[in-house]
Amino acid sequence: MGENIHTPPSRCSRRRARPTVARSCAPGGFRELVFNPEGKQAAEFLNTIGVTVFALKYRLRTRSIRPTTQDNVRQDAYRAMRLVRSRAGEFHIDPNRIGMLGFSAGGAVVMMVAFDQGDGDPKAIDPVDRFNGRPNFQMLVYPGGTVPKKIPADSPPAFLLCANDDDTAATR
């Protein structure tokens, strides 16, 4: 089940070079990560249809010694996107076809970065931080969080999946 993540690892799941990649963000209400069913298992299924997947374990909001904020979660998502994009050649993926998939709270994580420019810092000491962190596409499955009142016209294309009786904030 979920764990308290302060230094989020990233896990790549692929069998061979694939043309498209998705960054998967597991749900858990920012209290825990439901990583196996909607992180690992989703990645394994997507592999069977030719999609390379990197599953993100982002920091959780806690009241521990090192409290975590939504800004920390956003930083984790940007860092993950930038890291994958910076190593696209090594992973044999197209750096312009990197998207994010998020379930529930993971959908909120996707929206944190998809509706912002995600520009890297060209003067950053760490070369990874120079890359753009915005996904090229987004897949939101019963997303949590709040959709911005005005969605930027240049937002990445989105696939949204939710039920008619889903009463989460993002589907209202």
N, C-alpha and C. Protein backbone atom coordinates (compact mmCIF):
# COMPACT_ATOMS: atom_id res chain seq x y z
N MET A 1 0.86 -1.18 0.00
CA MET A 1 0.00 0.00 0.00
C MET A 1 0.89 1.23 0.00
N GLY A 2 0.38 2.35 0.43
CA GLY A 2 1.13 3.60 0.36
C GLY A 2 2.24 3.67 1.39
N GLU A 3 3.14 4.58 1.17
CA GLU A 3 4.23 4.79 2.09
C GLU A 3 4.55 6.27 2.11
N ASN A 4 5.22 6.71 3.13
CA ASN A 4 5.58 8.11 3.25
C ASN A 4 6.85 8.34 2.43
N ILE A 5 6.73 9.05 1.34
CA ILE A 5 7.84 9.24 0.41
C ILE A 5 8.39 10.65 0.58
N HIS A 6 9.65 10.78 0.97
CA HIS A 6 10.28 12.10 1.05
C HIS A 6 11.26 12.31 -0.10
N THR A 7 11.85 11.25 -0.60
CA THR A 7 12.74 11.32 -1.75
C THR A 7 12.17 10.35 -2.77
N PRO A 8 11.24 10.83 -3.61
CA PRO A 8 10.50 9.91 -4.47
C PRO A 8 11.37 9.21 -5.50
N PRO A 9 11.32 7.88 -5.52
CA PRO A 9 12.01 7.15 -6.57
C PRO A 9 11.16 7.13 -7.83
N SER A 10 11.74 6.79 -8.93
CA SER A 10 11.01 6.67 -10.17
C SER A 10 11.26 5.28 -10.70
N ARG A 11 10.26 4.64 -11.24
CA ARG A 11 10.41 3.28 -11.71
C ARG A 11 10.00 3.22 -13.17
N CYS A 12 10.86 2.67 -14.01
CA CYS A 12 10.58 2.53 -15.44
C CYS A 12 10.15 1.11 -15.71
N SER A 13 9.08 0.96 -16.45
CA SER A 13 8.60 -0.36 -16.82
C SER A 13 8.50 -0.43 -18.33
N ARG A 14 9.39 -1.19 -18.95
CA ARG A 14 9.32 -1.35 -20.40
C ARG A 14 10.06 -2.62 -20.79
N ARG A 15 9.67 -3.16 -21.92
CA ARG A 15 10.33 -4.37 -22.41
C ARG A 15 11.22 -4.07 -23.60
N ARG A 16 10.85 -3.12 -24.43
CA ARG A 16 11.66 -2.75 -25.59
C ARG A 16 11.39 -1.29 -25.90
N ALA A 17 12.14 -0.72 -26.83
CA ALA A 17 11.96 0.68 -27.19
C ALA A 17 10.54 0.92 -27.69
N ARG A 18 9.92 1.95 -27.20
CA ARG A 18 8.53 2.25 -27.55
C ARG A 18 8.43 3.71 -27.97
N PRO A 19 7.47 4.03 -28.84
CA PRO A 19 7.39 5.40 -29.34
C PRO A 19 6.75 6.40 -28.39
N THR A 20 5.99 5.95 -27.41
CA THR A 20 5.26 6.86 -26.54
C THR A 20 5.55 6.51 -25.09
N VAL A 21 5.51 7.51 -24.23
CA VAL A 21 5.77 7.25 -22.82
C VAL A 21 4.72 7.97 -21.99
N ALA A 22 4.34 7.38 -20.90
CA ALA A 22 3.43 8.03 -19.97
C ALA A 22 4.06 8.02 -18.59
N ARG A 23 3.83 9.06 -17.86
CA ARG A 23 4.27 9.18 -16.47
C ARG A 23 3.03 8.91 -15.64
N SER A 24 3.02 7.84 -14.88
CA SER A 24 1.85 7.43 -14.12
C SER A 24 1.94 7.93 -12.69
N CYS A 25 0.85 8.56 -12.23
CA CYS A 25 0.76 9.08 -10.87
C CYS A 25 -0.33 8.33 -10.13
N ALA A 26 0.03 7.61 -9.12
CA ALA A 26 -0.92 6.79 -8.36
C ALA A 26 -1.81 7.65 -7.46
N PRO A 27 -3.01 7.13 -7.15
CA PRO A 27 -3.91 7.84 -6.24
C PRO A 27 -3.56 7.59 -4.79
N GLY A 28 -4.34 8.18 -3.90
CA GLY A 28 -4.16 7.95 -2.47
C GLY A 28 -4.53 9.14 -1.62
N GLY A 29 -5.17 10.14 -2.22
CA GLY A 29 -5.64 11.28 -1.45
C GLY A 29 -4.54 12.10 -0.81
N PHE A 30 -3.31 12.00 -1.32
CA PHE A 30 -2.14 12.70 -0.79
C PHE A 30 -1.80 12.25 0.63
N ARG A 31 -2.45 11.15 1.10
CA ARG A 31 -2.14 10.59 2.41
C ARG A 31 -1.35 9.30 2.28
N GLU A 32 -1.58 8.58 1.17
CA GLU A 32 -0.91 7.33 0.89
C GLU A 32 -0.85 7.16 -0.62
N LEU A 33 -0.05 6.23 -1.09
CA LEU A 33 0.01 5.93 -2.51
C LEU A 33 -0.57 4.55 -2.74
N VAL A 34 -1.61 4.47 -3.56
CA VAL A 34 -2.19 3.18 -3.94
C VAL A 34 -1.40 2.75 -5.18
N PHE A 35 -0.19 2.28 -4.93
CA PHE A 35 0.79 2.12 -6.01
C PHE A 35 0.59 0.87 -6.85
N ASN A 36 0.29 -0.26 -6.25
CA ASN A 36 0.19 -1.48 -7.06
C ASN A 36 -0.96 -1.48 -8.05
N PRO A 37 -2.22 -1.30 -7.63
CA PRO A 37 -3.30 -1.40 -8.61
C PRO A 37 -3.33 -0.28 -9.65
N GLU A 38 -2.96 0.92 -9.29
CA GLU A 38 -3.09 2.03 -10.23
C GLU A 38 -1.76 2.71 -10.52
N GLY A 39 -0.70 2.03 -10.22
CA GLY A 39 0.64 2.47 -10.56
C GLY A 39 1.32 1.35 -11.31
N LYS A 40 1.71 0.33 -10.57
CA LYS A 40 2.44 -0.80 -11.15
C LYS A 40 1.58 -1.59 -12.14
N GLN A 41 0.35 -1.96 -11.75
CA GLN A 41 -0.50 -2.77 -12.64
C GLN A 41 -0.91 -1.99 -13.88
N ALA A 42 -1.16 -0.69 -13.73
CA ALA A 42 -1.49 0.13 -14.90
C ALA A 42 -0.30 0.17 -15.85
N ALA A 43 0.90 0.30 -15.31
CA ALA A 43 2.11 0.32 -16.13
C ALA A 43 2.29 -1.00 -16.87
N GLU A 44 2.07 -2.10 -16.16
CA GLU A 44 2.22 -3.42 -16.80
C GLU A 44 1.21 -3.59 -17.93
N PHE A 45 -0.03 -3.15 -17.74
CA PHE A 45 -1.02 -3.25 -18.82
C PHE A 45 -0.60 -2.38 -20.00
N LEU A 46 -0.22 -1.13 -19.74
CA LEU A 46 0.16 -0.23 -20.83
C LEU A 46 1.36 -0.78 -21.60
N ASN A 47 2.26 -1.49 -20.92
CA ASN A 47 3.38 -2.13 -21.61
C ASN A 47 2.88 -3.12 -22.66
N THR A 48 1.79 -3.84 -22.36
CA THR A 48 1.29 -4.85 -23.30
C THR A 48 0.76 -4.23 -24.58
N ILE A 49 0.43 -2.94 -24.55
CA ILE A 49 -0.07 -2.27 -25.76
C ILE A 49 0.96 -1.31 -26.34
N GLY A 50 2.21 -1.46 -25.89
CA GLY A 50 3.31 -0.71 -26.50
C GLY A 50 3.64 0.63 -25.90
N VAL A 51 3.26 0.87 -24.67
CA VAL A 51 3.53 2.16 -24.03
C VAL A 51 4.59 1.96 -22.94
N THR A 52 5.64 2.76 -22.99
CA THR A 52 6.65 2.76 -21.94
C THR A 52 6.13 3.62 -20.79
N VAL A 53 6.25 3.14 -19.58
CA VAL A 53 5.68 3.85 -18.43
C VAL A 53 6.71 4.00 -17.32
N PHE A 54 6.75 5.19 -16.76
CA PHE A 54 7.55 5.49 -15.58
C PHE A 54 6.55 5.82 -14.49
N ALA A 55 6.55 5.06 -13.41
CA ALA A 55 5.59 5.30 -12.33
C ALA A 55 6.22 6.22 -11.29
N LEU A 56 5.52 7.27 -10.95
CA LEU A 56 6.01 8.28 -10.02
C LEU A 56 5.50 8.01 -8.60
N LYS A 57 6.41 7.99 -7.66
CA LYS A 57 6.04 7.99 -6.24
C LYS A 57 6.36 9.38 -5.73
N TYR A 58 5.32 10.20 -5.57
CA TYR A 58 5.51 11.58 -5.14
C TYR A 58 5.39 11.69 -3.63
N ARG A 59 5.94 12.78 -3.09
CA ARG A 59 5.88 13.00 -1.65
C ARG A 59 4.43 13.19 -1.21
N LEU A 60 4.17 12.77 0.01
CA LEU A 60 2.82 12.86 0.56
C LEU A 60 2.76 13.96 1.61
N ARG A 61 1.58 14.58 1.71
CA ARG A 61 1.39 15.59 2.76
C ARG A 61 1.35 14.88 4.10
N THR A 62 2.20 15.28 4.99
CA THR A 62 2.27 14.64 6.30
C THR A 62 2.48 15.69 7.38
N ARG A 63 2.40 15.24 8.59
CA ARG A 63 2.71 16.11 9.74
C ARG A 63 3.98 15.60 10.40
N SER A 64 4.85 15.01 9.64
CA SER A 64 6.07 14.44 10.19
C SER A 64 7.12 15.52 10.40
N ILE A 65 8.32 15.10 10.67
CA ILE A 65 9.44 16.02 10.90
C ILE A 65 9.66 16.89 9.66
N ARG A 66 9.44 16.31 8.49
CA ARG A 66 9.62 17.04 7.23
C ARG A 66 8.26 17.19 6.55
N PRO A 67 7.44 18.15 6.96
CA PRO A 67 6.12 18.30 6.36
C PRO A 67 6.22 18.59 4.86
N THR A 68 5.25 18.08 4.13
CA THR A 68 5.22 18.21 2.68
C THR A 68 4.01 19.04 2.28
N THR A 69 4.20 19.88 1.28
CA THR A 69 3.12 20.74 0.78
C THR A 69 2.78 20.36 -0.65
N GLN A 70 1.71 20.98 -1.17
CA GLN A 70 1.34 20.77 -2.57
C GLN A 70 2.47 21.23 -3.49
N ASP A 71 3.20 22.26 -3.09
CA ASP A 71 4.33 22.70 -3.91
C ASP A 71 5.39 21.60 -4.03
N ASN A 72 5.60 20.84 -2.96
CA ASN A 72 6.55 19.73 -3.03
C ASN A 72 6.08 18.67 -4.02
N VAL A 73 4.77 18.40 -4.01
CA VAL A 73 4.21 17.42 -4.94
C VAL A 73 4.39 17.91 -6.38
N ARG A 74 4.11 19.18 -6.62
CA ARG A 74 4.30 19.77 -7.95
C ARG A 74 5.77 19.67 -8.37
N GLN A 75 6.69 19.95 -7.44
CA GLN A 75 8.12 19.84 -7.73
C GLN A 75 8.48 18.41 -8.13
N ASP A 76 7.91 17.42 -7.43
CA ASP A 76 8.18 16.02 -7.76
C ASP A 76 7.72 15.70 -9.18
N ALA A 77 6.54 16.19 -9.54
CA ALA A 77 6.00 15.92 -10.88
C ALA A 77 6.87 16.58 -11.95
N TYR A 78 7.24 17.83 -11.73
CA TYR A 78 8.11 18.51 -12.69
C TYR A 78 9.46 17.80 -12.79
N ARG A 79 10.02 17.44 -11.66
CA ARG A 79 11.33 16.78 -11.67
C ARG A 79 11.24 15.46 -12.44
N ALA A 80 10.19 14.71 -12.21
CA ALA A 80 10.02 13.44 -12.91
C ALA A 80 9.93 13.65 -14.42
N MET A 81 9.12 14.61 -14.85
CA MET A 81 8.98 14.88 -16.28
C MET A 81 10.32 15.32 -16.87
N ARG A 82 11.00 16.20 -16.17
CA ARG A 82 12.29 16.71 -16.67
C ARG A 82 13.34 15.60 -16.73
N LEU A 83 13.33 14.74 -15.73
CA LEU A 83 14.30 13.65 -15.70
C LEU A 83 14.08 12.69 -16.87
N VAL A 84 12.84 12.31 -17.10
CA VAL A 84 12.55 11.41 -18.22
C VAL A 84 12.90 12.09 -19.54
N ARG A 85 12.51 13.35 -19.69
CA ARG A 85 12.80 14.07 -20.93
C ARG A 85 14.32 14.20 -21.15
N SER A 86 15.06 14.44 -20.08
CA SER A 86 16.51 14.61 -20.20
C SER A 86 17.21 13.31 -20.59
N ARG A 87 16.58 12.18 -20.29
CA ARG A 87 17.18 10.87 -20.58
C ARG A 87 16.45 10.12 -21.69
N ALA A 88 15.69 10.86 -22.49
CA ALA A 88 14.88 10.24 -23.55
C ALA A 88 15.73 9.38 -24.49
N GLY A 89 16.89 9.84 -24.86
CA GLY A 89 17.75 9.06 -25.74
C GLY A 89 18.14 7.72 -25.12
N GLU A 90 18.48 7.76 -23.85
CA GLU A 90 18.85 6.54 -23.13
C GLU A 90 17.69 5.55 -23.06
N PHE A 91 16.46 6.09 -22.91
CA PHE A 91 15.28 5.23 -22.82
C PHE A 91 14.66 4.91 -24.18
N HIS A 92 15.22 5.45 -25.25
CA HIS A 92 14.72 5.23 -26.62
C HIS A 92 13.27 5.69 -26.76
N ILE A 93 13.00 6.90 -26.27
CA ILE A 93 11.66 7.48 -26.38
C ILE A 93 11.75 8.86 -27.00
N ASP A 94 10.65 9.33 -27.54
CA ASP A 94 10.58 10.65 -28.15
C ASP A 94 10.32 11.68 -27.05
N PRO A 95 11.23 12.64 -26.84
CA PRO A 95 11.05 13.62 -25.76
C PRO A 95 9.85 14.53 -25.97
N ASN A 96 9.27 14.51 -27.15
CA ASN A 96 8.09 15.33 -27.43
C ASN A 96 6.80 14.54 -27.36
N ARG A 97 6.88 13.30 -26.86
CA ARG A 97 5.69 12.46 -26.71
C ARG A 97 5.64 11.87 -25.30
N ILE A 98 5.87 12.72 -24.33
CA ILE A 98 5.86 12.28 -22.93
C ILE A 98 4.64 12.89 -22.25
N GLY A 99 3.77 12.03 -21.79
CA GLY A 99 2.55 12.50 -21.14
C GLY A 99 2.46 12.02 -19.72
N MET A 100 1.36 12.40 -19.07
CA MET A 100 1.13 11.98 -17.69
C MET A 100 -0.24 11.35 -17.57
N LEU A 101 -0.30 10.28 -16.80
CA LEU A 101 -1.53 9.56 -16.49
C LEU A 101 -1.71 9.64 -14.98
N GLY A 102 -2.90 10.06 -14.54
CA GLY A 102 -3.12 10.16 -13.11
C GLY A 102 -4.50 9.68 -12.72
N PHE A 103 -4.55 8.91 -11.63
CA PHE A 103 -5.80 8.41 -11.07
C PHE A 103 -6.09 9.18 -9.79
N SER A 104 -7.30 9.70 -9.63
CA SER A 104 -7.73 10.38 -8.40
C SER A 104 -6.74 11.48 -8.02
N ALA A 105 -6.10 11.38 -6.85
CA ALA A 105 -5.14 12.41 -6.45
C ALA A 105 -4.00 12.51 -7.46
N GLY A 106 -3.68 11.39 -8.10
CA GLY A 106 -2.67 11.41 -9.16
C GLY A 106 -3.11 12.29 -10.32
N GLY A 107 -4.44 12.35 -10.58
CA GLY A 107 -4.96 13.26 -11.60
C GLY A 107 -4.75 14.71 -11.21
N ALA A 108 -4.88 14.99 -9.92
CA ALA A 108 -4.61 16.34 -9.43
C ALA A 108 -3.14 16.69 -9.65
N VAL A 109 -2.26 15.72 -9.46
CA VAL A 109 -0.83 15.95 -9.70
C VAL A 109 -0.60 16.29 -11.17
N VAL A 110 -1.25 15.57 -12.06
CA VAL A 110 -1.12 15.85 -13.49
C VAL A 110 -1.58 17.28 -13.79
N MET A 111 -2.74 17.66 -13.24
CA MET A 111 -3.25 19.02 -13.50
C MET A 111 -2.33 20.10 -12.95
N MET A 112 -1.59 19.80 -11.88
CA MET A 112 -0.66 20.79 -11.32
C MET A 112 0.39 21.23 -12.33
N VAL A 113 0.78 20.32 -13.20
CA VAL A 113 1.83 20.64 -14.17
C VAL A 113 1.32 20.82 -15.59
N ALA A 114 0.17 20.23 -15.92
CA ALA A 114 -0.33 20.32 -17.30
C ALA A 114 -0.86 21.70 -17.64
N PHE A 115 -1.37 22.43 -16.67
CA PHE A 115 -1.96 23.74 -16.95
C PHE A 115 -0.99 24.89 -16.67
N ASP A 116 0.27 24.57 -16.49
CA ASP A 116 1.31 25.56 -16.29
C ASP A 116 2.33 25.39 -17.42
N GLN A 117 3.16 26.37 -17.65
CA GLN A 117 4.12 26.30 -18.76
C GLN A 117 5.23 25.28 -18.52
N GLY A 118 5.66 25.11 -17.30
CA GLY A 118 6.67 24.11 -16.98
C GLY A 118 8.06 24.39 -17.51
N ASP A 119 8.30 25.66 -17.85
CA ASP A 119 9.60 26.00 -18.40
C ASP A 119 10.73 25.64 -17.45
N GLY A 120 11.79 25.10 -18.02
CA GLY A 120 12.98 24.83 -17.24
C GLY A 120 13.75 26.12 -17.03
N ASP A 121 14.76 26.05 -16.20
CA ASP A 121 15.61 27.20 -15.93
C ASP A 121 16.89 27.04 -16.73
N PRO A 122 17.08 27.82 -17.80
CA PRO A 122 18.26 27.65 -18.65
C PRO A 122 19.58 27.86 -17.91
N LYS A 123 19.53 28.51 -16.75
CA LYS A 123 20.76 28.76 -15.98
C LYS A 123 20.91 27.80 -14.79
N ALA A 124 20.04 26.80 -14.71
CA ALA A 124 20.09 25.87 -13.58
C ALA A 124 21.44 25.14 -13.53
N ILE A 125 21.91 24.91 -12.32
CA ILE A 125 23.16 24.18 -12.12
C ILE A 125 23.00 22.73 -12.58
N ASP A 126 21.86 22.13 -12.21
CA ASP A 126 21.57 20.76 -12.61
C ASP A 126 20.98 20.78 -14.02
N PRO A 127 21.63 20.16 -14.99
CA PRO A 127 21.13 20.19 -16.37
C PRO A 127 19.71 19.65 -16.53
N VAL A 128 19.29 18.74 -15.67
CA VAL A 128 17.92 18.20 -15.74
C VAL A 128 16.90 19.31 -15.55
N ASP A 129 17.20 20.27 -14.69
CA ASP A 129 16.27 21.35 -14.40
C ASP A 129 16.14 22.36 -15.53
N ARG A 130 16.92 22.20 -16.58
CA ARG A 130 16.82 23.08 -17.75
C ARG A 130 15.73 22.63 -18.71
N PHE A 131 15.27 21.40 -18.58
CA PHE A 131 14.25 20.85 -19.47
C PHE A 131 12.86 21.31 -19.07
N ASN A 132 11.96 21.32 -20.05
CA ASN A 132 10.57 21.65 -19.78
C ASN A 132 9.92 20.48 -19.04
N GLY A 133 9.12 20.78 -18.03
CA GLY A 133 8.47 19.75 -17.23
C GLY A 133 7.01 19.54 -17.54
N ARG A 134 6.48 20.23 -18.55
CA ARG A 134 5.06 20.10 -18.88
C ARG A 134 4.85 18.87 -19.76
N PRO A 135 3.83 18.07 -19.45
CA PRO A 135 3.56 16.90 -20.28
C PRO A 135 3.03 17.30 -21.66
N ASN A 136 3.26 16.44 -22.66
CA ASN A 136 2.74 16.69 -24.00
C ASN A 136 1.29 16.26 -24.14
N PHE A 137 0.82 15.43 -23.23
CA PHE A 137 -0.59 15.02 -23.19
C PHE A 137 -0.90 14.61 -21.77
N GLN A 138 -2.20 14.55 -21.45
CA GLN A 138 -2.61 14.18 -20.10
C GLN A 138 -3.77 13.20 -20.17
N MET A 139 -3.74 12.23 -19.28
CA MET A 139 -4.81 11.24 -19.15
C MET A 139 -5.26 11.28 -17.70
N LEU A 140 -6.50 11.70 -17.48
CA LEU A 140 -7.02 11.89 -16.13
C LEU A 140 -8.13 10.87 -15.90
N VAL A 141 -7.94 9.99 -14.92
CA VAL A 141 -8.92 8.96 -14.61
C VAL A 141 -9.50 9.28 -13.24
N TYR A 142 -10.80 9.56 -13.20
CA TYR A 142 -11.52 10.06 -12.03
C TYR A 142 -10.63 10.99 -11.21
N PRO A 143 -10.20 12.09 -11.84
CA PRO A 143 -9.23 12.97 -11.17
C PRO A 143 -9.81 13.70 -9.96
N GLY A 144 -8.97 13.88 -8.99
CA GLY A 144 -9.30 14.72 -7.84
C GLY A 144 -8.80 16.12 -8.13
N GLY A 145 -8.84 16.95 -7.13
CA GLY A 145 -8.34 18.31 -7.31
C GLY A 145 -9.36 19.23 -7.93
N THR A 146 -8.90 20.38 -8.33
CA THR A 146 -9.76 21.40 -8.90
C THR A 146 -9.23 21.83 -10.25
N VAL A 147 -10.10 21.83 -11.23
CA VAL A 147 -9.73 22.29 -12.56
C VAL A 147 -9.68 23.82 -12.52
N PRO A 148 -8.69 24.42 -13.16
CA PRO A 148 -8.63 25.88 -13.17
C PRO A 148 -9.88 26.49 -13.79
N LYS A 149 -10.26 27.67 -13.32
CA LYS A 149 -11.45 28.35 -13.87
C LYS A 149 -11.28 28.61 -15.36
N LYS A 150 -10.05 28.93 -15.76
CA LYS A 150 -9.75 29.14 -17.17
C LYS A 150 -8.60 28.24 -17.56
N ILE A 151 -8.89 27.33 -18.47
CA ILE A 151 -7.85 26.42 -18.94
C ILE A 151 -7.11 27.09 -20.09
N PRO A 152 -5.79 27.20 -20.00
CA PRO A 152 -5.03 27.85 -21.06
C PRO A 152 -5.25 27.18 -22.42
N ALA A 153 -5.34 27.98 -23.46
CA ALA A 153 -5.59 27.47 -24.81
C ALA A 153 -4.49 26.53 -25.28
N ASP A 154 -3.27 26.71 -24.78
CA ASP A 154 -2.16 25.86 -25.21
C ASP A 154 -1.94 24.66 -24.29
N SER A 155 -2.93 24.32 -23.48
CA SER A 155 -2.81 23.16 -22.60
C SER A 155 -2.65 21.89 -23.43
N PRO A 156 -1.93 20.91 -22.89
CA PRO A 156 -1.77 19.66 -23.64
C PRO A 156 -3.12 18.95 -23.78
N PRO A 157 -3.30 18.21 -24.88
CA PRO A 157 -4.55 17.48 -25.07
C PRO A 157 -4.81 16.55 -23.89
N ALA A 158 -6.09 16.34 -23.59
CA ALA A 158 -6.45 15.54 -22.41
C ALA A 158 -7.46 14.47 -22.75
N PHE A 159 -7.33 13.34 -22.08
CA PHE A 159 -8.31 12.27 -22.09
C PHE A 159 -8.84 12.22 -20.66
N LEU A 160 -10.14 12.35 -20.49
CA LEU A 160 -10.76 12.37 -19.17
C LEU A 160 -11.72 11.20 -19.04
N LEU A 161 -11.57 10.42 -17.98
CA LEU A 161 -12.46 9.30 -17.73
C LEU A 161 -13.02 9.43 -16.32
N CYS A 162 -14.35 9.50 -16.23
CA CYS A 162 -15.02 9.54 -14.92
C CYS A 162 -16.43 9.03 -15.11
N ALA A 163 -17.10 8.74 -14.02
CA ALA A 163 -18.46 8.21 -14.05
C ALA A 163 -19.47 9.33 -13.84
N ASN A 164 -20.69 9.12 -14.32
CA ASN A 164 -21.76 10.12 -14.15
C ASN A 164 -21.99 10.45 -12.68
N ASP A 165 -21.83 9.49 -11.81
CA ASP A 165 -22.09 9.73 -10.39
C ASP A 165 -20.83 10.05 -9.59
N ASP A 166 -19.74 10.40 -10.29
CA ASP A 166 -18.50 10.77 -9.62
C ASP A 166 -18.66 12.18 -9.08
N ASP A 167 -18.54 12.34 -7.77
CA ASP A 167 -18.76 13.67 -7.18
C ASP A 167 -17.48 14.36 -6.75
N THR A 168 -16.35 13.97 -7.36
CA THR A 168 -15.10 14.67 -7.03
C THR A 168 -15.11 16.05 -7.64
N ALA A 169 -14.32 16.93 -7.09
CA ALA A 169 -14.32 18.34 -7.51
C ALA A 169 -13.97 18.51 -8.98
N ALA A 170 -13.06 17.72 -9.50
CA ALA A 170 -12.59 17.91 -10.87
C ALA A 170 -13.63 17.57 -11.91
N THR A 171 -14.68 16.84 -11.56
CA THR A 171 -15.66 16.44 -12.56
C THR A 171 -16.95 17.26 -12.49
N ARG A 172 -16.99 18.23 -11.62
CA ARG A 172 -18.22 19.05 -11.50
C ARG A 172 -18.29 20.06 -12.60
